[in-house]
């Protein structure tokens, strides 16, 4: 059984902003980002303990094609997506959300 995903509002805003930015760079690129993002979410759901704990039970799953990292926390009943941030951002930028 796979656990459901739960998104913090800030993570949703980051996903939307990233989608829009890539669409502005080239039509269809935002869709490619979102597709890659969904594939990575599927990987997280299939193996939620597959990435190392960084801080306060938060794990970091880097995306493959795009330079973004999905920060999430595995809870007993769901997977909480905390942040989706560019890999060049300070790695502790999301910590205020924990």
Protein backbone atom coordinates (compact mmCIF):
# COMPACT_ATOMS: atom_id res chain seq x y z
CA UNK A 1 0.00 0.00 0.00
CA UNK A 2 1.36 3.39 -0.94
CA UNK A 3 0.92 6.30 1.39
CA UNK A 4 -0.97 9.39 0.19
CA UNK A 5 0.90 12.62 -0.50
CA UNK A 6 0.24 15.77 1.49
CA UNK A 7 1.68 19.10 0.29
CA UNK A 8 2.53 22.13 2.39
CA UNK A 9 1.12 25.29 0.77
CA UNK A 10 4.64 26.66 0.30
CA UNK A 11 5.62 23.55 -1.67
CA UNK A 12 2.60 23.97 -3.96
CA UNK A 13 3.62 27.59 -4.59
CA UNK A 14 7.17 26.48 -5.42
CA UNK A 15 5.91 23.87 -7.87
CA UNK A 16 3.61 26.40 -9.57
CA UNK A 17 6.35 29.03 -9.79
CA UNK A 18 8.84 26.54 -11.21
CA UNK A 19 6.32 25.32 -13.77
CA UNK A 20 5.64 28.90 -14.87
CA UNK A 21 9.33 29.77 -15.06
CA UNK A 22 10.11 26.78 -17.27
CA UNK A 23 7.11 27.55 -19.50
CA UNK A 24 8.44 31.09 -19.97
CA UNK A 25 11.80 29.68 -21.01
CA UNK A 26 10.28 27.38 -23.64
CA UNK A 27 6.72 26.29 -24.34
CA UNK A 28 6.23 22.76 -23.05
CA UNK A 29 9.24 22.78 -20.74
CA UNK A 30 7.03 23.39 -17.73
CA UNK A 31 5.05 20.29 -18.66
CA UNK A 32 8.31 18.33 -18.91
CA UNK A 33 9.30 19.56 -15.44
CA UNK A 34 5.92 18.61 -14.00
CA UNK A 35 6.04 15.16 -15.60
CA UNK A 36 9.52 14.56 -14.15
CA UNK A 37 8.27 15.82 -10.79
CA UNK A 38 5.35 13.36 -10.82
CA UNK A 39 7.71 10.51 -11.73
CA UNK A 40 9.90 11.39 -8.76
CA UNK A 41 6.86 11.51 -6.47
CA UNK A 42 5.99 7.99 -7.66
CA UNK A 43 9.51 6.86 -6.73
CA UNK A 44 9.11 8.41 -3.29
CA UNK A 45 5.77 6.64 -2.80
CA UNK A 46 7.23 3.30 -3.94
CA UNK A 47 10.22 3.58 -1.59
CA UNK A 48 9.71 6.40 0.94
CA UNK A 49 12.70 5.33 3.04
CA UNK A 50 15.00 5.29 0.01
CA UNK A 51 16.55 8.69 0.72
CA UNK A 52 18.56 9.73 3.73
CA UNK A 53 17.18 11.70 6.66
CA UNK A 54 18.73 15.17 6.71
CA UNK A 55 17.10 16.98 9.59
CA UNK A 56 14.19 16.24 11.95
CA UNK A 57 13.09 13.22 9.91
CA UNK A 58 13.07 15.24 6.67
CA UNK A 59 14.45 13.46 3.61
CA UNK A 60 15.79 14.95 0.38
CA UNK A 61 15.09 13.40 -3.01
CA UNK A 62 16.88 15.11 -5.92
CA UNK A 63 15.14 15.14 -9.26
CA UNK A 64 17.01 13.57 -12.15
CA UNK A 65 16.66 15.89 -15.14
CA UNK A 66 15.88 19.18 -13.41
CA UNK A 67 18.07 20.69 -10.67
CA UNK A 68 15.43 20.51 -7.95
CA UNK A 69 15.20 18.67 -4.66
CA UNK A 70 11.99 17.38 -3.09
CA UNK A 71 12.09 17.62 0.71
CA UNK A 72 9.60 15.39 2.46
CA UNK A 73 8.79 13.80 5.78
CA UNK A 74 7.53 10.24 6.10
CA UNK A 75 4.68 10.09 8.60
CA UNK A 76 2.73 7.06 9.77
CA UNK A 77 -0.26 7.79 7.54
CA UNK A 78 1.11 9.98 4.71
CA UNK A 79 4.12 11.53 3.01
CA UNK A 80 4.32 15.26 3.70
CA UNK A 81 5.99 17.26 0.90
CA UNK A 82 7.67 20.16 2.68
CA UNK A 83 9.52 21.91 -0.14
CA UNK A 84 10.52 21.65 -3.79
CA UNK A 85 13.57 23.86 -4.15
CA UNK A 86 16.30 24.51 -6.67
CA UNK A 87 19.46 22.63 -5.83
CA UNK A 88 21.50 25.85 -5.74
CA UNK A 89 19.40 27.36 -2.97
CA UNK A 90 20.87 27.19 0.47
CA UNK A 91 20.26 23.62 1.63
CA UNK A 92 18.75 24.84 4.89
CA UNK A 93 16.24 27.24 3.33
CA UNK A 94 13.36 24.83 3.95
CA UNK A 95 14.17 24.16 7.61
CA UNK A 96 11.96 26.94 8.94
CA UNK A 97 9.01 24.83 7.76
CA UNK A 98 9.73 21.93 10.11
